[in-house]
Amino acid sequence: MRRLYLYLRLLAVAVAFPAIVAYIAVATLVHPITAFRSRFRCTLRLGMNVVDWIKGIPVGYSYWEQYEAATMLGEIAVHHDE
């Protein structure tokens, strides 16, 4: 029974491995294209996420604070005035 379980696990890995490699290849090729179209915001966000992780603060916080908080706070202020 253990051999059957081992063979089934090896078969699952053999079947899934090409799909995983294909996914990584496609993501690697698509990333520069999307970064170019979005004016490198995605690359900037990834870099800032790494810095946040190194500093030990919540990942994505500094990007949100610098680029998204101002517009969100402006929308909140507009809704509050109504």
N, C-alpha and C. Protein backbone atom coordinates (compact mmCIF):
# COMPACT_ATOMS: atom_id res chain seq x y z
N MET A 1 0.82 -1.19 0.00
CA MET A 1 0.00 0.00 0.00
C MET A 1 0.87 1.26 0.00
N ARG A 2 1.98 1.20 0.72
CA ARG A 2 2.86 2.37 0.77
C ARG A 2 3.49 2.62 -0.60
N ARG A 3 3.83 1.55 -1.32
CA ARG A 3 4.41 1.73 -2.65
C ARG A 3 3.40 2.37 -3.60
N LEU A 4 2.16 1.92 -3.52
CA LEU A 4 1.13 2.51 -4.36
C LEU A 4 0.98 3.99 -4.05
N TYR A 5 0.97 4.34 -2.78
CA TYR A 5 0.88 5.74 -2.37
C TYR A 5 2.07 6.54 -2.90
N LEU A 6 3.26 5.97 -2.80
CA LEU A 6 4.46 6.63 -3.30
C LEU A 6 4.38 6.81 -4.82
N TYR A 7 3.95 5.80 -5.54
CA TYR A 7 3.85 5.90 -6.99
C TYR A 7 2.79 6.92 -7.41
N LEU A 8 1.70 6.98 -6.68
CA LEU A 8 0.68 7.98 -6.99
C LEU A 8 1.18 9.39 -6.75
N ARG A 9 1.94 9.57 -5.68
CA ARG A 9 2.52 10.90 -5.41
C ARG A 9 3.52 11.28 -6.49
N LEU A 10 4.36 10.33 -6.90
CA LEU A 10 5.33 10.61 -7.98
C LEU A 10 4.62 10.92 -9.29
N LEU A 11 3.55 10.21 -9.58
CA LEU A 11 2.77 10.49 -10.78
C LEU A 11 2.16 11.89 -10.72
N ALA A 12 1.64 12.26 -9.57
CA ALA A 12 1.06 13.60 -9.41
C ALA A 12 2.11 14.69 -9.62
N VAL A 13 3.30 14.46 -9.10
CA VAL A 13 4.39 15.43 -9.30
C VAL A 13 4.79 15.48 -10.77
N ALA A 14 4.87 14.33 -11.41
CA ALA A 14 5.26 14.28 -12.83
C ALA A 14 4.23 14.97 -13.71
N VAL A 15 2.96 14.86 -13.36
CA VAL A 15 1.91 15.51 -14.14
C VAL A 15 1.87 17.01 -13.86
N ALA A 16 2.04 17.40 -12.61
CA ALA A 16 1.92 18.81 -12.23
C ALA A 16 3.17 19.62 -12.57
N PHE A 17 4.32 18.99 -12.61
CA PHE A 17 5.57 19.73 -12.81
C PHE A 17 5.59 20.53 -14.12
N PRO A 18 5.23 19.95 -15.26
CA PRO A 18 5.22 20.76 -16.49
C PRO A 18 4.25 21.94 -16.42
N ALA A 19 3.12 21.76 -15.77
CA ALA A 19 2.17 22.86 -15.63
C ALA A 19 2.74 23.97 -14.77
N ILE A 20 3.42 23.61 -13.71
CA ILE A 20 4.04 24.61 -12.83
C ILE A 20 5.13 25.37 -13.57
N VAL A 21 5.97 24.64 -14.32
CA VAL A 21 7.04 25.29 -15.09
C VAL A 21 6.46 26.20 -16.16
N ALA A 22 5.40 25.76 -16.83
CA ALA A 22 4.76 26.60 -17.85
C ALA A 22 4.18 27.86 -17.23
N TYR A 23 3.55 27.74 -16.06
CA TYR A 23 2.99 28.90 -15.37
C TYR A 23 4.09 29.91 -15.01
N ILE A 24 5.20 29.43 -14.48
CA ILE A 24 6.31 30.31 -14.12
C ILE A 24 6.87 30.99 -15.36
N ALA A 25 7.00 30.26 -16.45
CA ALA A 25 7.52 30.84 -17.69
C ALA A 25 6.59 31.92 -18.23
N VAL A 26 5.31 31.66 -18.23
CA VAL A 26 4.34 32.65 -18.73
C VAL A 26 4.33 33.88 -17.82
N ALA A 27 4.35 33.67 -16.52
CA ALA A 27 4.36 34.81 -15.60
C ALA A 27 5.62 35.64 -15.76
N THR A 28 6.74 34.97 -16.01
CA THR A 28 8.00 35.69 -16.21
C THR A 28 7.97 36.50 -17.50
N LEU A 29 7.37 35.96 -18.54
CA LEU A 29 7.30 36.68 -19.81
C LEU A 29 6.27 37.80 -19.80
N VAL A 30 5.17 37.61 -19.09
CA VAL A 30 4.10 38.60 -19.07
C VAL A 30 4.43 39.77 -18.15
N HIS A 31 5.19 39.53 -17.10
CA HIS A 31 5.48 40.58 -16.12
C HIS A 31 6.12 41.82 -16.74
N PRO A 32 7.17 41.71 -17.57
CA PRO A 32 7.72 42.94 -18.16
C PRO A 32 6.75 43.66 -19.08
N ILE A 33 5.90 42.91 -19.77
CA ILE A 33 4.92 43.54 -20.65
C ILE A 33 3.92 44.35 -19.85
N THR A 34 3.39 43.78 -18.78
CA THR A 34 2.43 44.51 -17.96
C THR A 34 3.10 45.67 -17.22
N ALA A 35 4.35 45.49 -16.83
CA ALA A 35 5.06 46.58 -16.15
C ALA A 35 5.25 47.75 -17.11
N PHE A 36 5.54 47.46 -18.37
CA PHE A 36 5.71 48.54 -19.35
C PHE A 36 4.39 49.25 -19.61
N ARG A 37 3.31 48.50 -19.68
CA ARG A 37 2.00 49.11 -19.93
C ARG A 37 1.51 49.93 -18.76
N SER A 38 1.80 49.49 -17.55
CA SER A 38 1.32 50.22 -16.37
C SER A 38 2.37 51.19 -15.84
N ARG A 39 3.31 51.55 -16.69
CA ARG A 39 4.36 52.52 -16.34
C ARG A 39 5.15 52.10 -15.12
N PHE A 40 5.44 50.83 -15.04
CA PHE A 40 6.30 50.24 -14.01
C PHE A 40 5.74 50.39 -12.60
N ARG A 41 4.44 50.62 -12.46
CA ARG A 41 3.82 50.68 -11.13
C ARG A 41 3.91 49.32 -10.44
N CYS A 42 3.71 48.25 -11.23
CA CYS A 42 3.75 46.91 -10.65
C CYS A 42 5.14 46.61 -10.10
N THR A 43 6.17 46.95 -10.86
CA THR A 43 7.54 46.74 -10.41
C THR A 43 7.83 47.58 -9.17
N LEU A 44 7.36 48.80 -9.17
CA LEU A 44 7.53 49.68 -8.01
C LEU A 44 6.84 49.10 -6.79
N ARG A 45 5.62 48.60 -6.99
CA ARG A 45 4.88 48.02 -5.88
C ARG A 45 5.60 46.79 -5.33
N LEU A 46 6.12 45.93 -6.20
CA LEU A 46 6.86 44.76 -5.73
C LEU A 46 8.10 45.17 -4.95
N GLY A 47 8.81 46.15 -5.44
CA GLY A 47 10.01 46.61 -4.72
C GLY A 47 9.68 47.18 -3.35
N MET A 48 8.60 47.97 -3.30
CA MET A 48 8.20 48.55 -2.02
C MET A 48 7.68 47.47 -1.08
N ASN A 49 7.06 46.42 -1.60
CA ASN A 49 6.61 45.32 -0.75
C ASN A 49 7.79 44.60 -0.11
N VAL A 50 8.86 44.43 -0.88
CA VAL A 50 10.06 43.78 -0.34
C VAL A 50 10.66 44.64 0.77
N VAL A 51 10.71 45.94 0.55
CA VAL A 51 11.26 46.85 1.57
C VAL A 51 10.37 46.81 2.82
N ASP A 52 9.05 46.79 2.63
CA ASP A 52 8.14 46.69 3.79
C ASP A 52 8.40 45.40 4.56
N TRP A 53 8.58 44.30 3.84
CA TRP A 53 8.81 43.02 4.49
C TRP A 53 10.12 43.04 5.28
N ILE A 54 11.15 43.68 4.72
CA ILE A 54 12.44 43.77 5.41
C ILE A 54 12.31 44.63 6.66
N LYS A 55 11.57 45.73 6.57
CA LYS A 55 11.39 46.61 7.72
C LYS A 55 10.49 46.00 8.79
N GLY A 56 9.67 45.02 8.41
CA GLY A 56 8.79 44.38 9.38
C GLY A 56 7.44 45.07 9.52
N ILE A 57 7.10 45.95 8.58
CA ILE A 57 5.78 46.57 8.61
C ILE A 57 4.86 45.80 7.67
N PRO A 58 3.55 46.01 7.75
CA PRO A 58 2.64 45.26 6.87
C PRO A 58 2.99 45.47 5.39
N VAL A 59 3.04 44.37 4.67
CA VAL A 59 3.44 44.41 3.27
C VAL A 59 2.41 45.21 2.47
N GLY A 60 2.89 46.15 1.68
CA GLY A 60 2.04 46.99 0.86
C GLY A 60 1.67 48.31 1.51
N TYR A 61 2.03 48.49 2.78
CA TYR A 61 1.61 49.70 3.49
C TYR A 61 2.26 50.95 2.91
N SER A 62 3.56 50.95 2.66
CA SER A 62 4.22 52.16 2.18
C SER A 62 3.74 52.54 0.79
N TYR A 63 3.46 51.55 -0.07
CA TYR A 63 2.92 51.86 -1.40
C TYR A 63 1.54 52.50 -1.26
N TRP A 64 0.70 51.89 -0.40
CA TRP A 64 -0.63 52.44 -0.20
C TRP A 64 -0.55 53.86 0.35
N GLU A 65 0.32 54.07 1.33
CA GLU A 65 0.44 55.38 1.96
C GLU A 65 0.90 56.44 0.96
N GLN A 66 1.82 56.07 0.09
CA GLN A 66 2.39 57.05 -0.83
C GLN A 66 1.51 57.31 -2.05
N TYR A 67 0.87 56.27 -2.58
CA TYR A 67 0.19 56.43 -3.87
C TYR A 67 -1.33 56.33 -3.80
N GLU A 68 -1.89 55.61 -2.86
CA GLU A 68 -3.33 55.39 -2.85
C GLU A 68 -4.06 56.08 -1.72
N ALA A 69 -3.39 56.39 -0.63
CA ALA A 69 -4.07 56.96 0.53
C ALA A 69 -4.61 58.35 0.24
N ALA A 70 -3.85 59.15 -0.50
CA ALA A 70 -4.29 60.52 -0.76
C ALA A 70 -5.61 60.55 -1.52
N THR A 71 -5.74 59.71 -2.55
CA THR A 71 -6.99 59.70 -3.32
C THR A 71 -8.13 59.12 -2.49
N MET A 72 -7.84 58.12 -1.68
CA MET A 72 -8.89 57.54 -0.85
C MET A 72 -9.36 58.53 0.21
N LEU A 73 -8.42 59.26 0.80
CA LEU A 73 -8.80 60.25 1.80
C LEU A 73 -9.57 61.39 1.17
N GLY A 74 -9.22 61.74 -0.07
CA GLY A 74 -9.98 62.76 -0.79
C GLY A 74 -11.41 62.32 -1.05
N GLU A 75 -11.60 61.07 -1.41
CA GLU A 75 -12.95 60.55 -1.63
C GLU A 75 -13.74 60.52 -0.33
N ILE A 76 -13.09 60.15 0.77
CA ILE A 76 -13.77 60.12 2.06
C ILE A 76 -14.20 61.53 2.46
N ALA A 77 -13.33 62.52 2.22
CA ALA A 77 -13.66 63.89 2.57
C ALA A 77 -14.85 64.39 1.75
N VAL A 78 -14.90 64.02 0.47
CA VAL A 78 -16.01 64.44 -0.38
C VAL A 78 -17.32 63.84 0.12
N HIS A 79 -17.31 62.56 0.46
CA HIS A 79 -18.51 61.92 0.96
C HIS A 79 -18.93 62.46 2.32
N HIS A 80 -17.94 62.86 3.10
CA HIS A 80 -18.25 63.38 4.43
C HIS A 80 -18.93 64.75 4.33
N ASP A 81 -18.56 65.54 3.34
CA ASP A 81 -19.13 66.88 3.20
C ASP A 81 -20.59 66.84 2.77
N GLU A 82 -21.02 65.77 2.14
CA GLU A 82 -22.38 65.71 1.64
C GLU A 82 -23.38 65.60 2.70
